Amino acid sequence: MSALAELLDGPVEEVAPRLLGAVLRHGPVAVRLTEVEAYAGPADPGSHSFRGPTPRNQVMWGPPGFLYCYLSHGIHVCANVSVGPEGTASAVLMRAGEVVDGLEVARAHRPGVIDRDLARGPGRLCKALGIRLDHYGTDLTDGEVTLTPGEPPPEVASGPRTGLRLAAGRPWRFWAVGDPTVSPYRRHPRAEGD
């Protein structure tokens, strides 16, 4: 079993915090993950796969280690990694990180933005890396976009997921405590707890 396969093996709420410190790379730009969110498929009303498999969410059903990209609010590309055993429809949204390689390229992707904010939020993270919708389904072990295990942060916190209306109370958002690249929490105005 590869190091990435080991990292992604298990229930999504256990895998998600293990991804903190992992490095997501596309071309010359690499981002160390500082914030992630877990989504558990049919057992999770907040997940894109809650109502079962569709052409849009097929990657979430496995196998683990593939990129699930979608458009948020019709504007921002967001990226998840499929996790757990094949058929479980689990994925981890990569919410924020620190650019650790290719800083000049990331700055060119997001001109006029301070370095702390280059990948601070899921849409910003994809923009800084140059990840597009057509990266959907990319194998993160040897594709154009890769994910490699990294050094975990010294302290991890968890809390409710950002911007969800359904299942908002699940503490499945995980972040590196004290890291300035972590995005601010935003509660949905009509959030419903678990």
N, C-alpha and C. Protein backbone atom coordinates (compact mmCIF):
# COMPACT_ATOMS: atom_id res chain seq x y z
N MET A 1 0.84 -1.18 0.00
CA MET A 1 0.00 0.00 0.00
C MET A 1 0.89 1.25 0.00
N SER A 2 0.61 2.21 -0.90
CA SER A 2 1.41 3.42 -0.99
C SER A 2 1.15 4.32 0.23
N ALA A 3 2.03 5.30 0.43
CA ALA A 3 1.87 6.23 1.56
C ALA A 3 0.57 7.01 1.43
N LEU A 4 0.19 7.39 0.20
CA LEU A 4 -1.07 8.12 0.00
C LEU A 4 -2.26 7.21 0.28
N ALA A 5 -2.21 5.96 -0.18
CA ALA A 5 -3.30 5.02 0.06
C ALA A 5 -3.50 4.81 1.56
N GLU A 6 -2.41 4.70 2.31
CA GLU A 6 -2.51 4.56 3.76
C GLU A 6 -3.15 5.79 4.39
N LEU A 7 -2.76 6.95 3.91
CA LEU A 7 -3.29 8.21 4.44
C LEU A 7 -4.79 8.32 4.21
N LEU A 8 -5.27 7.82 3.08
CA LEU A 8 -6.68 7.96 2.69
C LEU A 8 -7.56 6.79 3.13
N ASP A 9 -6.98 5.81 3.81
CA ASP A 9 -7.72 4.62 4.21
C ASP A 9 -8.45 4.85 5.54
N GLY A 10 -9.76 4.63 5.53
CA GLY A 10 -10.54 4.73 6.76
C GLY A 10 -11.74 5.63 6.61
N PRO A 11 -12.53 5.75 7.71
CA PRO A 11 -13.70 6.63 7.68
C PRO A 11 -13.28 8.08 7.43
N VAL A 12 -14.07 8.80 6.66
CA VAL A 12 -13.71 10.15 6.22
C VAL A 12 -13.42 11.10 7.39
N GLU A 13 -14.15 10.97 8.49
CA GLU A 13 -13.93 11.88 9.62
C GLU A 13 -12.61 11.59 10.34
N GLU A 14 -12.02 10.41 10.10
CA GLU A 14 -10.69 10.10 10.63
C GLU A 14 -9.61 10.47 9.63
N VAL A 15 -9.90 10.30 8.35
CA VAL A 15 -8.92 10.61 7.30
C VAL A 15 -8.69 12.12 7.19
N ALA A 16 -9.78 12.90 7.26
CA ALA A 16 -9.67 14.35 7.03
C ALA A 16 -8.58 15.03 7.85
N PRO A 17 -8.53 14.86 9.18
CA PRO A 17 -7.48 15.56 9.92
C PRO A 17 -6.07 15.06 9.59
N ARG A 18 -5.98 13.81 9.11
CA ARG A 18 -4.66 13.29 8.71
C ARG A 18 -4.13 13.98 7.46
N LEU A 19 -5.02 14.63 6.69
CA LEU A 19 -4.58 15.32 5.48
C LEU A 19 -3.93 16.68 5.78
N LEU A 20 -4.11 17.18 6.99
CA LEU A 20 -3.46 18.45 7.34
C LEU A 20 -1.94 18.26 7.30
N GLY A 21 -1.27 19.14 6.59
CA GLY A 21 0.17 19.02 6.38
C GLY A 21 0.52 18.34 5.07
N ALA A 22 -0.43 17.64 4.45
CA ALA A 22 -0.17 17.03 3.14
C ALA A 22 0.03 18.13 2.10
N VAL A 23 0.72 17.80 1.02
CA VAL A 23 1.05 18.79 0.00
C VAL A 23 0.33 18.46 -1.31
N LEU A 24 -0.47 19.42 -1.77
CA LEU A 24 -1.18 19.32 -3.04
C LEU A 24 -0.38 20.12 -4.06
N ARG A 25 -0.04 19.48 -5.18
CA ARG A 25 0.80 20.14 -6.20
C ARG A 25 0.15 20.05 -7.56
N HIS A 26 0.24 21.16 -8.29
CA HIS A 26 -0.12 21.20 -9.71
C HIS A 26 0.96 22.00 -10.40
N GLY A 27 1.75 21.35 -11.23
CA GLY A 27 2.85 22.02 -11.92
C GLY A 27 3.85 22.57 -10.91
N PRO A 28 4.24 23.84 -11.07
CA PRO A 28 5.26 24.40 -10.17
C PRO A 28 4.72 24.83 -8.81
N VAL A 29 3.39 24.86 -8.63
CA VAL A 29 2.81 25.37 -7.39
C VAL A 29 2.45 24.21 -6.46
N ALA A 30 2.87 24.35 -5.19
CA ALA A 30 2.53 23.36 -4.16
C ALA A 30 1.96 24.08 -2.96
N VAL A 31 0.91 23.49 -2.38
CA VAL A 31 0.23 24.06 -1.22
C VAL A 31 0.21 23.02 -0.10
N ARG A 32 0.66 23.43 1.08
CA ARG A 32 0.57 22.58 2.28
C ARG A 32 -0.80 22.81 2.90
N LEU A 33 -1.60 21.76 3.05
CA LEU A 33 -2.97 21.89 3.53
C LEU A 33 -3.02 22.27 5.01
N THR A 34 -3.82 23.30 5.31
CA THR A 34 -3.99 23.76 6.69
C THR A 34 -5.43 23.67 7.16
N GLU A 35 -6.36 23.37 6.24
CA GLU A 35 -7.78 23.28 6.59
C GLU A 35 -8.49 22.36 5.61
N VAL A 36 -9.32 21.47 6.14
CA VAL A 36 -10.07 20.51 5.33
C VAL A 36 -11.45 20.30 5.94
N GLU A 37 -12.36 19.70 5.16
CA GLU A 37 -13.69 19.31 5.65
C GLU A 37 -14.04 17.92 5.15
N ALA A 38 -14.68 17.13 6.01
CA ALA A 38 -15.07 15.76 5.67
C ALA A 38 -16.53 15.71 5.21
N TYR A 39 -16.78 14.87 4.19
CA TYR A 39 -18.14 14.63 3.68
C TYR A 39 -18.35 13.14 3.52
N ALA A 40 -19.43 12.61 4.13
CA ALA A 40 -19.61 11.17 4.28
C ALA A 40 -20.67 10.53 3.40
N GLY A 41 -20.97 11.09 2.27
CA GLY A 41 -21.86 10.42 1.32
C GLY A 41 -23.30 10.29 1.79
N PRO A 42 -23.93 9.12 1.53
CA PRO A 42 -25.35 8.94 1.84
C PRO A 42 -25.71 9.11 3.32
N ALA A 43 -24.73 9.04 4.20
CA ALA A 43 -24.98 9.24 5.63
C ALA A 43 -24.87 10.71 6.02
N ASP A 44 -24.67 11.59 5.05
CA ASP A 44 -24.36 12.99 5.33
C ASP A 44 -25.17 13.91 4.43
N PRO A 45 -26.24 14.56 4.96
CA PRO A 45 -27.05 15.46 4.15
C PRO A 45 -26.28 16.65 3.56
N GLY A 46 -25.10 16.94 4.08
CA GLY A 46 -24.28 18.02 3.54
C GLY A 46 -23.43 17.62 2.35
N SER A 47 -23.41 16.33 2.03
CA SER A 47 -22.55 15.81 0.97
C SER A 47 -23.23 15.86 -0.40
N HIS A 48 -22.46 16.06 -1.45
CA HIS A 48 -22.97 16.03 -2.82
C HIS A 48 -23.46 14.64 -3.20
N SER A 49 -23.04 13.62 -2.47
CA SER A 49 -23.44 12.25 -2.80
C SER A 49 -24.54 11.72 -1.87
N PHE A 50 -25.18 12.61 -1.13
CA PHE A 50 -26.22 12.20 -0.17
C PHE A 50 -27.35 11.43 -0.83
N ARG A 51 -27.74 11.82 -2.04
CA ARG A 51 -28.88 11.18 -2.72
C ARG A 51 -28.47 10.05 -3.66
N GLY A 52 -27.23 9.63 -3.58
CA GLY A 52 -26.77 8.51 -4.39
C GLY A 52 -25.86 8.94 -5.53
N PRO A 53 -25.39 7.95 -6.31
CA PRO A 53 -24.45 8.26 -7.38
C PRO A 53 -25.11 8.98 -8.55
N THR A 54 -24.38 9.93 -9.10
CA THR A 54 -24.78 10.67 -10.29
C THR A 54 -23.52 10.84 -11.15
N PRO A 55 -23.68 11.25 -12.40
CA PRO A 55 -22.48 11.52 -13.21
C PRO A 55 -21.58 12.59 -12.56
N ARG A 56 -22.19 13.55 -11.87
CA ARG A 56 -21.42 14.63 -11.24
C ARG A 56 -20.57 14.12 -10.09
N ASN A 57 -21.12 13.25 -9.23
CA ASN A 57 -20.41 12.86 -8.01
C ASN A 57 -19.72 11.49 -8.10
N GLN A 58 -19.64 10.91 -9.27
CA GLN A 58 -19.13 9.55 -9.45
C GLN A 58 -17.76 9.33 -8.79
N VAL A 59 -16.88 10.31 -8.87
CA VAL A 59 -15.53 10.16 -8.31
C VAL A 59 -15.58 9.96 -6.79
N MET A 60 -16.59 10.54 -6.14
CA MET A 60 -16.69 10.41 -4.68
C MET A 60 -16.91 8.96 -4.25
N TRP A 61 -17.40 8.12 -5.13
CA TRP A 61 -17.71 6.72 -4.79
C TRP A 61 -16.47 5.83 -4.84
N GLY A 62 -15.33 6.41 -5.17
CA GLY A 62 -14.09 5.66 -5.11
C GLY A 62 -13.62 5.22 -6.47
N PRO A 63 -12.44 4.65 -6.48
CA PRO A 63 -11.55 4.37 -5.37
C PRO A 63 -10.94 5.63 -4.77
N PRO A 64 -10.27 5.50 -3.61
CA PRO A 64 -9.66 6.67 -2.98
C PRO A 64 -8.48 7.22 -3.79
N GLY A 65 -8.23 8.52 -3.59
CA GLY A 65 -7.06 9.14 -4.21
C GLY A 65 -7.31 9.83 -5.52
N PHE A 66 -8.58 10.14 -5.82
CA PHE A 66 -8.91 10.83 -7.06
C PHE A 66 -9.54 12.19 -6.75
N LEU A 67 -9.36 13.11 -7.67
CA LEU A 67 -9.82 14.49 -7.48
C LEU A 67 -11.28 14.64 -7.91
N TYR A 68 -12.07 15.18 -7.00
CA TYR A 68 -13.47 15.52 -7.28
C TYR A 68 -13.57 17.04 -7.31
N CYS A 69 -13.76 17.60 -8.50
CA CYS A 69 -13.86 19.05 -8.67
C CYS A 69 -15.29 19.44 -8.99
N TYR A 70 -15.71 20.58 -8.47
CA TYR A 70 -17.05 21.10 -8.78
C TYR A 70 -17.00 22.62 -8.74
N LEU A 71 -18.03 23.22 -9.29
CA LEU A 71 -18.14 24.67 -9.32
C LEU A 71 -19.05 25.12 -8.18
N SER A 72 -18.55 25.99 -7.33
CA SER A 72 -19.31 26.52 -6.19
C SER A 72 -19.90 27.87 -6.57
N HIS A 73 -21.19 28.02 -6.36
CA HIS A 73 -21.91 29.26 -6.65
C HIS A 73 -21.74 29.69 -8.11
N GLY A 74 -21.45 28.72 -8.97
CA GLY A 74 -21.29 29.01 -10.38
C GLY A 74 -20.03 29.79 -10.73
N ILE A 75 -19.12 29.94 -9.75
CA ILE A 75 -17.95 30.79 -9.95
C ILE A 75 -16.64 30.08 -9.64
N HIS A 76 -16.54 29.50 -8.44
CA HIS A 76 -15.26 29.01 -7.92
C HIS A 76 -15.13 27.50 -8.07
N VAL A 77 -14.01 27.05 -8.60
CA VAL A 77 -13.71 25.63 -8.63
C VAL A 77 -13.22 25.23 -7.24
N CYS A 78 -13.78 24.14 -6.71
CA CYS A 78 -13.36 23.58 -5.43
C CYS A 78 -12.92 22.15 -5.67
N ALA A 79 -11.98 21.65 -4.85
CA ALA A 79 -11.42 20.31 -5.06
C ALA A 79 -11.48 19.47 -3.80
N ASN A 80 -11.88 18.23 -3.98
CA ASN A 80 -11.92 17.22 -2.92
C ASN A 80 -11.06 16.04 -3.35
N VAL A 81 -10.67 15.24 -2.36
CA VAL A 81 -10.01 13.98 -2.65
C VAL A 81 -10.94 12.86 -2.16
N SER A 82 -11.15 11.85 -3.01
CA SER A 82 -11.95 10.69 -2.61
C SER A 82 -11.17 9.89 -1.59
N VAL A 83 -11.88 9.38 -0.56
CA VAL A 83 -11.22 8.64 0.51
C VAL A 83 -12.02 7.38 0.85
N GLY A 84 -11.44 6.54 1.73
CA GLY A 84 -12.13 5.36 2.22
C GLY A 84 -12.19 4.27 1.18
N PRO A 85 -12.87 3.17 1.50
CA PRO A 85 -12.97 2.08 0.53
C PRO A 85 -13.88 2.43 -0.63
N GLU A 86 -13.60 1.84 -1.76
CA GLU A 86 -14.42 2.08 -2.96
C GLU A 86 -15.88 1.74 -2.66
N GLY A 87 -16.79 2.62 -3.12
CA GLY A 87 -18.22 2.42 -2.89
C GLY A 87 -18.78 3.16 -1.70
N THR A 88 -17.93 3.87 -0.94
CA THR A 88 -18.41 4.56 0.26
C THR A 88 -18.78 6.02 0.03
N ALA A 89 -18.44 6.58 -1.10
CA ALA A 89 -18.78 7.97 -1.46
C ALA A 89 -18.31 8.98 -0.45
N SER A 90 -17.11 8.85 0.04
CA SER A 90 -16.54 9.81 0.98
C SER A 90 -15.51 10.67 0.28
N ALA A 91 -15.44 11.93 0.70
CA ALA A 91 -14.45 12.84 0.13
C ALA A 91 -14.09 13.91 1.15
N VAL A 92 -12.90 14.46 0.99
CA VAL A 92 -12.43 15.54 1.85
C VAL A 92 -12.21 16.77 0.99
N LEU A 93 -12.91 17.85 1.36
CA LEU A 93 -12.73 19.14 0.69
C LEU A 93 -11.45 19.77 1.20
N MET A 94 -10.59 20.17 0.29
CA MET A 94 -9.35 20.85 0.65
C MET A 94 -9.64 22.34 0.70
N ARG A 95 -9.80 22.88 1.91
CA ARG A 95 -10.31 24.23 2.11
C ARG A 95 -9.25 25.33 2.05
N ALA A 96 -8.06 25.08 2.58
CA ALA A 96 -7.08 26.17 2.64
C ALA A 96 -5.68 25.60 2.83
N GLY A 97 -4.69 26.43 2.51
CA GLY A 97 -3.31 26.01 2.68
C GLY A 97 -2.33 27.14 2.47
N GLU A 98 -1.08 26.80 2.68
CA GLU A 98 0.04 27.74 2.50
C GLU A 98 0.81 27.35 1.25
N VAL A 99 1.06 28.32 0.38
CA VAL A 99 1.87 28.06 -0.81
C VAL A 99 3.31 27.84 -0.35
N VAL A 100 3.84 26.65 -0.62
CA VAL A 100 5.20 26.30 -0.18
C VAL A 100 6.17 26.15 -1.35
N ASP A 101 5.68 26.22 -2.57
CA ASP A 101 6.53 26.16 -3.76
C ASP A 101 5.78 26.86 -4.89
N GLY A 102 6.53 27.52 -5.77
CA GLY A 102 5.91 28.20 -6.90
C GLY A 102 5.17 29.46 -6.52
N LEU A 103 5.68 30.17 -5.54
CA LEU A 103 5.00 31.37 -5.02
C LEU A 103 4.75 32.41 -6.12
N GLU A 104 5.70 32.63 -6.99
CA GLU A 104 5.52 33.63 -8.05
C GLU A 104 4.40 33.23 -9.02
N VAL A 105 4.29 31.94 -9.31
CA VAL A 105 3.23 31.47 -10.20
C VAL A 105 1.87 31.63 -9.50
N ALA A 106 1.81 31.26 -8.22
CA ALA A 106 0.57 31.41 -7.46
C ALA A 106 0.16 32.88 -7.40
N ARG A 107 1.13 33.78 -7.22
CA ARG A 107 0.83 35.21 -7.21
C ARG A 107 0.29 35.66 -8.57
N ALA A 108 0.84 35.11 -9.65
CA ALA A 108 0.35 35.46 -10.99
C ALA A 108 -1.08 34.96 -11.20
N HIS A 109 -1.42 33.81 -10.61
CA HIS A 109 -2.79 33.30 -10.69
C HIS A 109 -3.77 34.16 -9.89
N ARG A 110 -3.26 34.83 -8.83
CA ARG A 110 -4.11 35.66 -7.97
C ARG A 110 -3.44 37.01 -7.74
N PRO A 111 -3.34 37.84 -8.77
CA PRO A 111 -2.62 39.11 -8.66
C PRO A 111 -3.23 40.05 -7.61
N GLY A 112 -2.33 40.75 -6.91
CA GLY A 112 -2.75 41.75 -5.93
C GLY A 112 -3.18 41.20 -4.59
N VAL A 113 -3.04 39.88 -4.39
CA VAL A 113 -3.47 39.25 -3.15
C VAL A 113 -2.25 39.03 -2.25
N ILE A 114 -2.40 39.30 -0.95
CA ILE A 114 -1.28 39.06 -0.03
C ILE A 114 -1.03 37.55 0.07
N ASP A 115 0.20 37.18 0.34
CA ASP A 115 0.60 35.77 0.33
C ASP A 115 -0.26 34.91 1.26
N ARG A 116 -0.62 35.43 2.42
CA ARG A 116 -1.43 34.66 3.38
C ARG A 116 -2.74 34.22 2.76
N ASP A 117 -3.30 35.04 1.87
CA ASP A 117 -4.62 34.79 1.31
C ASP A 117 -4.60 34.06 -0.04
N LEU A 118 -3.44 33.71 -0.55
CA LEU A 118 -3.37 33.08 -1.88
C LEU A 118 -4.21 31.82 -1.98
N ALA A 119 -4.18 30.98 -0.93
CA ALA A 119 -4.92 29.71 -0.94
C ALA A 119 -5.79 29.59 0.31
N ARG A 120 -6.31 30.70 0.77
CA ARG A 120 -7.11 30.76 2.01
C ARG A 120 -8.59 30.69 1.68
N GLY A 121 -9.09 29.48 1.50
CA GLY A 121 -10.46 29.21 1.07
C GLY A 121 -10.41 28.25 -0.09
N PRO A 122 -11.44 27.40 -0.27
CA PRO A 122 -11.36 26.35 -1.29
C PRO A 122 -11.27 26.86 -2.72
N GLY A 123 -11.99 27.93 -3.05
CA GLY A 123 -11.90 28.49 -4.40
C GLY A 123 -10.55 29.14 -4.64
N ARG A 124 -10.05 29.83 -3.64
CA ARG A 124 -8.73 30.48 -3.74
C ARG A 124 -7.62 29.45 -3.87
N LEU A 125 -7.74 28.35 -3.13
CA LEU A 125 -6.74 27.29 -3.19
C LEU A 125 -6.63 26.76 -4.62
N CYS A 126 -7.77 26.47 -5.23
CA CYS A 126 -7.76 25.97 -6.61
C CYS A 126 -7.23 27.00 -7.58
N LYS A 127 -7.59 28.25 -7.39
CA LYS A 127 -7.11 29.33 -8.27
C LYS A 127 -5.59 29.47 -8.16
N ALA A 128 -5.07 29.46 -6.93
CA ALA A 128 -3.62 29.59 -6.74
C ALA A 128 -2.86 28.45 -7.41
N LEU A 129 -3.44 27.24 -7.35
CA LEU A 129 -2.80 26.07 -7.94
C LEU A 129 -3.07 25.93 -9.44
N GLY A 130 -4.06 26.66 -9.95
CA GLY A 130 -4.44 26.51 -11.35
C GLY A 130 -5.26 25.26 -11.60
N ILE A 131 -5.97 24.77 -10.57
CA ILE A 131 -6.83 23.61 -10.73
C ILE A 131 -8.14 24.05 -11.37
N ARG A 132 -8.56 23.29 -12.41
CA ARG A 132 -9.76 23.61 -13.18
C ARG A 132 -10.77 22.47 -13.08
N LEU A 133 -11.97 22.72 -13.58
CA LEU A 133 -13.00 21.66 -13.59
C LEU A 133 -12.54 20.44 -14.37
N ASP A 134 -11.75 20.65 -15.41
CA ASP A 134 -11.34 19.50 -16.21
C ASP A 134 -10.28 18.62 -15.53
N HIS A 135 -9.89 18.99 -14.30
CA HIS A 135 -9.02 18.11 -13.51
C HIS A 135 -9.85 17.06 -12.76
N TYR A 136 -11.16 17.13 -12.89
CA TYR A 136 -12.07 16.14 -12.29
C TYR A 136 -11.60 14.73 -12.65
N GLY A 137 -11.48 13.87 -11.64
CA GLY A 137 -11.10 12.48 -11.89
C GLY A 137 -9.61 12.22 -11.96
N THR A 138 -8.78 13.25 -11.77
CA THR A 138 -7.34 13.07 -11.82
C THR A 138 -6.87 12.13 -10.71
N ASP A 139 -6.01 11.18 -11.06
CA ASP A 139 -5.40 10.29 -10.08
C ASP A 139 -4.32 11.08 -9.36
N LEU A 140 -4.48 11.28 -8.06
CA LEU A 140 -3.58 12.13 -7.29
C LEU A 140 -2.25 11.46 -6.96
N THR A 141 -2.06 10.21 -7.35
CA THR A 141 -0.77 9.56 -7.12
C THR A 141 0.21 9.82 -8.26
N ASP A 142 -0.33 9.95 -9.49
CA ASP A 142 0.60 10.15 -10.61
C ASP A 142 0.00 10.97 -11.74
N GLY A 143 -1.02 11.75 -11.44
CA GLY A 143 -1.64 12.58 -12.46
C GLY A 143 -1.01 13.95 -12.54
N GLU A 144 -1.68 14.83 -13.23
CA GLU A 144 -1.21 16.21 -13.39
C GLU A 144 -1.24 16.96 -12.06
N VAL A 145 -2.15 16.56 -11.18
CA VAL A 145 -2.23 17.10 -9.81
C VAL A 145 -1.88 15.96 -8.88
N THR A 146 -1.02 16.22 -7.88
CA THR A 146 -0.62 15.16 -6.95
C THR A 146 -0.84 15.60 -5.51
N LEU A 147 -1.01 14.61 -4.66
CA LEU A 147 -1.15 14.82 -3.22
C LEU A 147 -0.16 13.89 -2.53
N THR A 148 0.68 14.45 -1.67
CA THR A 148 1.66 13.64 -0.95
C THR A 148 1.56 13.92 0.54
N PRO A 149 1.75 12.87 1.36
CA PRO A 149 1.72 13.08 2.81
C PRO A 149 2.78 14.09 3.22
N GLY A 150 2.51 14.80 4.30
CA GLY A 150 3.46 15.79 4.81
C GLY A 150 3.52 15.76 6.32
N GLU A 151 4.16 16.75 6.88
CA GLU A 151 4.32 16.85 8.33
C GLU A 151 3.03 17.39 8.94
N PRO A 152 2.40 16.63 9.85
CA PRO A 152 1.17 17.14 10.45
C PRO A 152 1.44 18.34 11.35
N PRO A 153 0.45 19.23 11.50
CA PRO A 153 0.64 20.38 12.38
C PRO A 153 0.71 19.94 13.84
N PRO A 154 1.33 20.76 14.70
CA PRO A 154 1.46 20.38 16.10
C PRO A 154 0.11 20.28 16.83
N GLU A 155 -0.86 21.09 16.41
CA GLU A 155 -2.16 21.07 17.07
C GLU A 155 -3.26 21.21 16.03
N VAL A 156 -4.28 20.36 16.14
CA VAL A 156 -5.42 20.36 15.22
C VAL A 156 -6.69 20.64 16.00
N ALA A 157 -7.55 21.47 15.44
CA ALA A 157 -8.86 21.76 16.03
C ALA A 157 -9.93 21.30 15.06
N SER A 158 -11.15 21.14 15.58
CA SER A 158 -12.28 20.79 14.73
C SER A 158 -13.49 21.60 15.13
N GLY A 159 -14.39 21.77 14.17
CA GLY A 159 -15.61 22.52 14.42
C GLY A 159 -16.58 22.30 13.28
N PRO A 160 -17.71 23.04 13.30
CA PRO A 160 -18.72 22.86 12.26
C PRO A 160 -18.18 23.23 10.88
N ARG A 161 -18.77 22.59 9.86
CA ARG A 161 -18.36 22.88 8.49
C ARG A 161 -18.89 24.25 8.06
N THR A 162 -18.18 24.87 7.16
CA THR A 162 -18.48 26.23 6.73
C THR A 162 -19.59 26.29 5.68
N GLY A 163 -20.54 27.20 5.88
CA GLY A 163 -21.52 27.54 4.86
C GLY A 163 -22.57 26.50 4.55
N LEU A 164 -22.68 25.44 5.34
CA LEU A 164 -23.67 24.39 5.05
C LEU A 164 -25.02 24.72 5.70
N ARG A 165 -26.09 24.36 5.01
CA ARG A 165 -27.42 24.50 5.59
C ARG A 165 -27.81 23.21 6.31
N LEU A 166 -27.55 22.05 5.70
CA LEU A 166 -27.90 20.76 6.28
C LEU A 166 -26.69 20.12 6.94
N ALA A 167 -26.92 19.47 8.07
CA ALA A 167 -25.85 18.79 8.82
C ALA A 167 -24.72 19.75 9.18
N ALA A 168 -25.07 21.00 9.42
CA ALA A 168 -24.08 22.05 9.70
C ALA A 168 -23.35 21.83 11.02
N GLY A 169 -23.99 21.14 11.97
CA GLY A 169 -23.40 21.01 13.30
C GLY A 169 -22.30 19.96 13.43
N ARG A 170 -22.11 19.14 12.41
CA ARG A 170 -21.06 18.12 12.52
C ARG A 170 -19.69 18.78 12.61
N PRO A 171 -18.88 18.39 13.58
CA PRO A 171 -17.56 19.02 13.74
C PRO A 171 -16.52 18.41 12.81
N TRP A 172 -16.81 18.45 11.51
CA TRP A 172 -15.98 17.78 10.52
C TRP A 172 -15.13 18.76 9.70
N ARG A 173 -14.97 19.96 10.20
CA ARG A 173 -13.99 20.90 9.64
C ARG A 173 -12.78 20.83 10.55
N PHE A 174 -11.60 20.61 9.96
CA PHE A 174 -10.38 20.44 10.74
C PHE A 174 -9.35 21.46 10.26
N TRP A 175 -8.60 22.04 11.19
CA TRP A 175 -7.61 23.04 10.80
C TRP A 175 -6.40 23.02 11.73
N ALA A 176 -5.30 23.55 11.21
CA ALA A 176 -4.07 23.70 11.97
C ALA A 176 -4.21 24.93 12.87
N VAL A 177 -4.19 24.70 14.16
CA VAL A 177 -4.39 25.78 15.12
C VAL A 177 -3.31 26.85 14.97
N GLY A 178 -3.76 28.11 14.90
CA GLY A 178 -2.84 29.24 14.84
C GLY A 178 -2.25 29.53 13.47
N ASP A 179 -2.61 28.74 12.46
CA ASP A 179 -2.05 28.98 11.12
C ASP A 179 -2.82 30.12 10.46
N PRO A 180 -2.12 31.16 9.99
CA PRO A 180 -2.80 32.32 9.42
C PRO A 180 -3.50 32.07 8.08
N THR A 181 -3.20 30.93 7.43
CA THR A 181 -3.84 30.66 6.14
C THR A 181 -5.20 29.97 6.28
N VAL A 182 -5.59 29.60 7.49
CA VAL A 182 -6.90 28.99 7.72
C VAL A 182 -7.98 30.03 7.45
N SER A 183 -9.03 29.63 6.75
CA SER A 183 -10.09 30.57 6.39
C SER A 183 -11.03 30.81 7.57
N PRO A 184 -11.71 31.96 7.60
CA PRO A 184 -12.65 32.23 8.69
C PRO A 184 -13.89 31.35 8.57
N TYR A 185 -14.45 30.98 9.71
CA TYR A 185 -15.68 30.17 9.72
C TYR A 185 -16.86 31.06 9.34
N ARG A 186 -17.71 30.53 8.46
CA ARG A 186 -18.93 31.25 8.06
C ARG A 186 -20.12 30.31 8.20
N ARG A 187 -21.02 30.65 9.09
CA ARG A 187 -22.23 29.85 9.31
C ARG A 187 -23.27 30.23 8.26
N HIS A 188 -23.95 29.23 7.73
CA HIS A 188 -25.05 29.48 6.78
C HIS A 188 -26.18 30.15 7.56
N PRO A 189 -26.83 31.18 6.99
CA PRO A 189 -27.88 31.89 7.73
C PRO A 189 -29.07 31.00 8.13
N ARG A 190 -29.28 29.90 7.42
CA ARG A 190 -30.39 28.98 7.75
C ARG A 190 -29.87 27.60 8.11
N ALA A 191 -28.71 27.55 8.77
CA ALA A 191 -28.08 26.27 9.10
C ALA A 191 -28.95 25.43 10.01
N GLU A 192 -28.99 24.13 9.71
CA GLU A 192 -29.69 23.14 10.53
C GLU A 192 -28.66 22.17 11.08
N GLY A 193 -28.67 21.97 12.40
CA GLY A 193 -27.69 21.07 13.03
C GLY A 193 -28.01 19.63 12.77
N ASP A 194 -27.21 18.74 13.38
CA ASP A 194 -27.41 17.30 13.24
C ASP A 194 -28.28 16.80 14.36
